Amino acid sequence: MSDVVSFTLVFSTIIFMIGVVTVTGIGTLGDVQAGTESNVAEETMRNYASTLADHREGADRRSVTVKLQGHSLERVNATVGWNVSGENRNNISTGALVRTTDTDADLVYESGALFRVEDGGGGVVVRQSPFRCGDRTAHLAVTAIEGDFSIASDRRVTLESFLVNQSITTRDANNVTVYLGGAYRPDQWSGALAGDWVAGTGDEYTCKNIDRVVVHETTVRIEVVR
């Protein structure tokens, strides 16, 4: 009789442990899969940011095929402003690209910078902005995105981008201020500015003690080819 009880206890324990390992394993695999998908989405957006940067170097057209993994991608409105002391503000309609994943994280591309923003509001800078302050010069490389699209797909889609125009403005200036209150995620920009930018009131940042400012505007149109 004792052998039967012992066998029953051992067998029950084995079944229980198998159940625990199975449930825990499935949960862990789910977490790993979600994390992998988020990392792939981030790397895809990082690579696409590099592709858009090619247009600043004069590339006329680029075509990139990406897998959205069921995520959404849309172009939203955003602006960046700048001025030198004593002059009116110049506002540039930059637009932004927002990829929303199924892990409640947004990947936001805006004027060369790329942010990963969590649902709770926290975020990290994935790619710094090409705005520079140092060596007696402020350089504002502003990429403006044109296009009207909002898509979601679990298949591959092709994004075609075209260089619309470029302009370079060079000004003598002791300082220049950029205004990011009109950015899609202004709260993320403080960590994206390279060099000696000084934060002011609100979402303003100033590059001081310089000799000149160079504003390099690049306008790119993006079209979605399904």
Protein backbone atom coordinates (compact mmCIF):
# COMPACT_ATOMS: atom_id res chain seq x y z
CA MET A 1 0.00 0.00 0.00
CA SER A 2 2.87 2.32 0.85
CA ASP A 3 4.39 1.68 -2.60
CA VAL A 4 1.16 2.79 -4.27
CA VAL A 5 1.02 5.99 -2.19
CA SER A 6 4.66 6.74 -2.91
CA PHE A 7 4.18 6.21 -6.64
CA THR A 8 1.11 8.44 -6.64
CA LEU A 9 2.93 11.23 -4.84
CA VAL A 10 5.96 11.03 -7.12
CA PHE A 11 3.82 10.89 -10.25
CA SER A 12 1.71 13.86 -9.07
CA THR A 13 4.85 15.86 -8.34
CA ILE A 14 6.23 15.13 -11.82
CA ILE A 15 2.98 16.19 -13.49
CA PHE A 16 2.88 19.38 -11.40
CA MET A 17 6.47 20.29 -12.30
CA ILE A 18 5.80 19.66 -15.99
CA GLY A 19 2.82 22.01 -15.78
CA VAL A 20 4.83 24.72 -14.04
CA VAL A 21 7.69 24.49 -16.53
CA THR A 22 5.27 24.50 -19.47
CA VAL A 23 3.35 27.58 -18.30
CA THR A 24 6.52 29.46 -17.33
CA GLY A 25 8.22 28.49 -20.56
CA ILE A 26 5.34 29.68 -22.68
CA GLY A 27 5.30 33.03 -20.87
CA THR A 28 9.04 33.42 -21.27
CA LEU A 29 8.89 32.56 -24.96
CA GLY A 30 6.15 35.15 -25.39
CA ASP A 31 8.28 37.80 -23.71
CA VAL A 32 11.29 36.86 -25.83
CA GLN A 33 9.19 37.03 -29.01
CA ALA A 34 7.77 40.45 -28.09
CA GLY A 35 11.23 41.74 -27.24
CA THR A 36 12.65 40.40 -30.48
CA GLU A 37 9.90 42.02 -32.54
CA SER A 38 10.48 45.36 -30.81
CA ASN A 39 14.22 45.15 -31.44
CA VAL A 40 13.64 44.30 -35.10
CA ALA A 41 11.23 47.24 -35.44
CA GLU A 42 13.78 49.57 -33.83
CA GLU A 43 16.58 48.38 -36.08
CA THR A 44 14.34 48.78 -39.14
CA MET A 45 13.54 52.37 -38.22
CA ARG A 46 17.20 53.09 -37.46
CA ASN A 47 18.17 51.84 -40.91
CA TYR A 48 15.40 53.86 -42.52
CA ALA A 49 16.61 56.99 -40.73
CA SER A 50 20.01 56.38 -42.34
CA THR A 51 18.31 56.02 -45.72
CA LEU A 52 16.55 59.36 -45.32
CA ALA A 53 19.89 60.91 -44.35
CA ASP A 54 21.15 59.96 -47.83
CA HIS A 55 18.89 62.65 -49.26
CA ARG A 56 20.80 65.29 -47.28
CA GLU A 57 23.86 64.14 -49.21
CA GLY A 58 22.02 64.69 -52.49
CA ALA A 59 20.49 61.26 -53.20
CA ASP A 60 17.52 61.83 -55.52
CA ARG A 61 15.52 58.65 -54.84
CA ARG A 62 15.56 55.74 -52.44
CA SER A 63 13.36 52.63 -52.26
CA VAL A 64 13.25 50.48 -49.13
CA THR A 65 11.11 47.41 -48.41
CA VAL A 66 10.22 46.85 -44.76
CA LYS A 67 8.12 44.34 -42.85
CA LEU A 68 5.77 46.15 -40.46
CA GLN A 69 4.99 42.99 -38.42
CA GLY A 70 1.41 44.13 -38.00
CA HIS A 71 2.52 47.54 -36.72
CA SER A 72 1.22 50.88 -37.96
CA LEU A 73 3.26 53.59 -39.65
CA GLU A 74 2.03 57.10 -40.29
CA ARG A 75 3.23 60.57 -41.12
CA VAL A 76 2.07 63.17 -38.57
CA ASN A 77 2.41 66.93 -38.38
CA ALA A 78 5.30 68.57 -36.53
CA THR A 79 7.30 71.80 -36.72
CA VAL A 80 10.72 73.12 -35.76
CA GLY A 81 11.40 76.83 -35.29
CA TRP A 82 14.64 78.79 -35.18
CA ASN A 83 15.85 82.37 -35.01
CA VAL A 84 18.87 84.50 -34.28
CA SER A 85 18.71 87.27 -31.70
CA GLY A 86 16.42 90.17 -32.53
CA GLU A 87 14.80 88.53 -35.55
CA ASN A 88 11.49 86.80 -36.19
CA ARG A 89 11.18 83.06 -35.77
CA ASN A 90 11.38 80.86 -38.86
CA ASN A 91 9.06 77.84 -38.62
CA ILE A 92 9.71 74.73 -40.68
CA SER A 93 7.02 72.10 -41.16
CA THR A 94 9.09 68.97 -40.65
CA GLY A 95 6.49 66.28 -40.07
CA ALA A 96 7.37 63.06 -38.24
CA LEU A 97 7.15 59.31 -38.83
CA VAL A 98 5.50 57.30 -36.06
CA ARG A 99 5.65 53.50 -35.91
CA THR A 100 3.38 52.06 -33.21
CA THR A 101 4.25 48.51 -32.16
CA ASP A 102 2.13 45.90 -30.41
CA THR A 103 4.22 46.29 -27.24
CA ASP A 104 2.87 49.81 -26.58
CA ALA A 105 6.07 51.50 -27.75
CA ASP A 106 6.27 54.21 -30.40
CA LEU A 107 9.29 54.65 -32.63
CA VAL A 108 9.35 58.29 -33.69
CA TYR A 109 11.55 59.72 -36.46
CA GLU A 110 11.73 63.48 -36.54
CA SER A 111 14.18 65.64 -38.48
CA GLY A 112 16.97 63.08 -38.33
CA ALA A 113 16.44 62.01 -34.72
CA LEU A 114 14.88 58.69 -33.70
CA PHE A 115 13.20 58.05 -30.35
CA ARG A 116 11.78 54.96 -28.69
CA VAL A 117 8.90 56.10 -26.50
CA GLU A 118 7.19 53.76 -24.04
CA ASP A 119 3.48 53.82 -23.27
CA GLY A 120 4.13 55.31 -19.82
CA GLY A 121 5.85 58.34 -21.35
CA GLY A 122 9.48 57.41 -20.81
CA GLY A 123 11.81 57.06 -23.75
CA VAL A 124 15.33 56.78 -25.07
CA VAL A 125 17.19 58.39 -27.94
CA VAL A 126 17.95 55.75 -30.55
CA ARG A 127 19.59 58.16 -33.01
CA GLN A 128 20.75 61.66 -32.20
CA SER A 129 19.60 64.69 -34.13
CA PRO A 130 22.00 66.15 -36.69
CA PHE A 131 21.65 69.54 -34.95
CA ARG A 132 25.14 70.57 -33.82
CA CYS A 133 26.50 73.31 -31.59
CA GLY A 134 30.23 73.83 -31.26
CA ASP A 135 33.42 75.12 -32.88
CA ARG A 136 31.89 78.60 -33.14
CA THR A 137 29.17 77.27 -35.45
CA ALA A 138 25.60 76.02 -35.09
CA HIS A 139 24.50 73.59 -37.78
CA LEU A 140 20.79 72.82 -38.14
CA ALA A 141 20.28 69.94 -40.57
CA VAL A 142 16.49 69.86 -40.85
CA THR A 143 14.79 67.04 -42.74
CA ALA A 144 11.17 67.79 -43.62
CA ILE A 145 8.92 64.89 -44.59
CA GLU A 146 6.03 65.27 -46.99
CA GLY A 147 3.37 62.64 -47.66
CA ASP A 148 -0.05 61.58 -46.46
CA PHE A 149 -0.26 58.00 -45.27
CA SER A 150 -1.25 55.84 -42.34
CA ILE A 151 -0.84 52.11 -42.85
CA ALA A 152 -0.82 48.88 -40.87
CA SER A 153 0.28 45.59 -42.36
CA ASP A 154 1.76 42.22 -41.47
CA ARG A 155 3.32 42.03 -44.92
CA ARG A 156 6.22 43.80 -46.52
CA VAL A 157 5.63 47.27 -47.89
CA THR A 158 7.87 49.44 -49.99
CA LEU A 159 8.62 53.02 -49.00
CA GLU A 160 9.81 55.23 -51.83
CA SER A 161 11.36 58.56 -50.93
CA PHE A 162 12.16 61.40 -53.28
CA LEU A 163 14.27 64.50 -52.80
CA VAL A 164 11.96 67.49 -53.33
CA ASN A 165 14.36 70.34 -52.68
CA GLN A 166 17.26 71.54 -50.58
CA SER A 167 18.38 74.91 -49.32
CA ILE A 168 21.32 76.12 -47.26
CA THR A 169 21.15 79.37 -45.31
CA THR A 170 24.30 80.75 -43.69
CA ARG A 171 24.07 83.66 -41.28
CA ASP A 172 26.50 85.55 -39.08
CA ALA A 173 25.16 85.24 -35.55
CA ASN A 174 26.29 85.34 -31.93
CA ASN A 175 23.66 82.77 -30.96
CA VAL A 176 20.73 80.85 -32.40
CA THR A 177 17.70 79.36 -30.68
CA VAL A 178 15.68 76.34 -31.81
CA TYR A 179 12.06 75.94 -30.74
CA LEU A 180 10.84 72.36 -30.35
CA GLY A 181 7.46 72.93 -28.75
CA GLY A 182 5.86 72.00 -32.08
CA ALA A 183 7.75 68.72 -32.31
CA TYR A 184 5.73 65.52 -32.12
CA ARG A 185 7.56 64.48 -28.93
CA PRO A 186 9.20 67.66 -27.57
CA ASP A 187 9.90 65.97 -24.22
CA GLN A 188 12.42 63.64 -25.87
CA TRP A 189 14.59 66.24 -27.58
CA SER A 190 16.80 67.27 -24.66
CA GLY A 191 18.85 64.09 -25.02
CA ALA A 192 19.01 64.24 -28.80
CA LEU A 193 20.89 67.52 -29.26
CA ALA A 194 24.64 67.17 -29.66
CA GLY A 195 27.14 69.72 -28.46
CA ASP A 196 26.68 72.78 -26.24
CA TRP A 197 22.96 73.50 -26.55
CA VAL A 198 21.62 75.32 -23.49
CA ALA A 199 18.05 74.60 -22.41
CA GLY A 200 15.84 77.64 -21.90
CA THR A 201 12.24 78.09 -20.91
CA GLY A 202 9.80 75.57 -22.33
CA ASP A 203 11.20 73.61 -25.24
CA GLU A 204 13.80 76.15 -26.38
CA TYR A 205 17.50 75.42 -26.81
CA THR A 206 20.18 78.00 -27.61
CA CYS A 207 23.64 77.68 -29.10
CA LYS A 208 25.69 80.59 -27.71
CA ASN A 209 29.01 82.30 -28.42
CA ILE A 210 29.18 81.39 -32.07
CA ASP A 211 30.19 83.20 -35.25
CA ARG A 212 27.64 81.77 -37.65
CA VAL A 213 24.64 79.48 -38.09
CA VAL A 214 24.09 77.14 -41.02
CA VAL A 215 20.55 75.91 -41.68
CA HIS A 216 20.44 73.01 -44.11
CA GLU A 217 16.84 72.20 -45.09
CA THR A 218 16.09 68.99 -46.97
CA THR A 219 12.53 68.22 -48.05
CA VAL A 220 11.72 64.59 -48.80
CA ARG A 221 8.45 63.09 -50.03
CA ILE A 222 7.58 59.53 -48.98
CA GLU A 223 5.15 57.35 -50.88
CA VAL A 224 3.94 53.90 -49.81
CA VAL A 225 3.92 51.16 -52.47
CA ARG A 226 1.94 48.12 -51.30
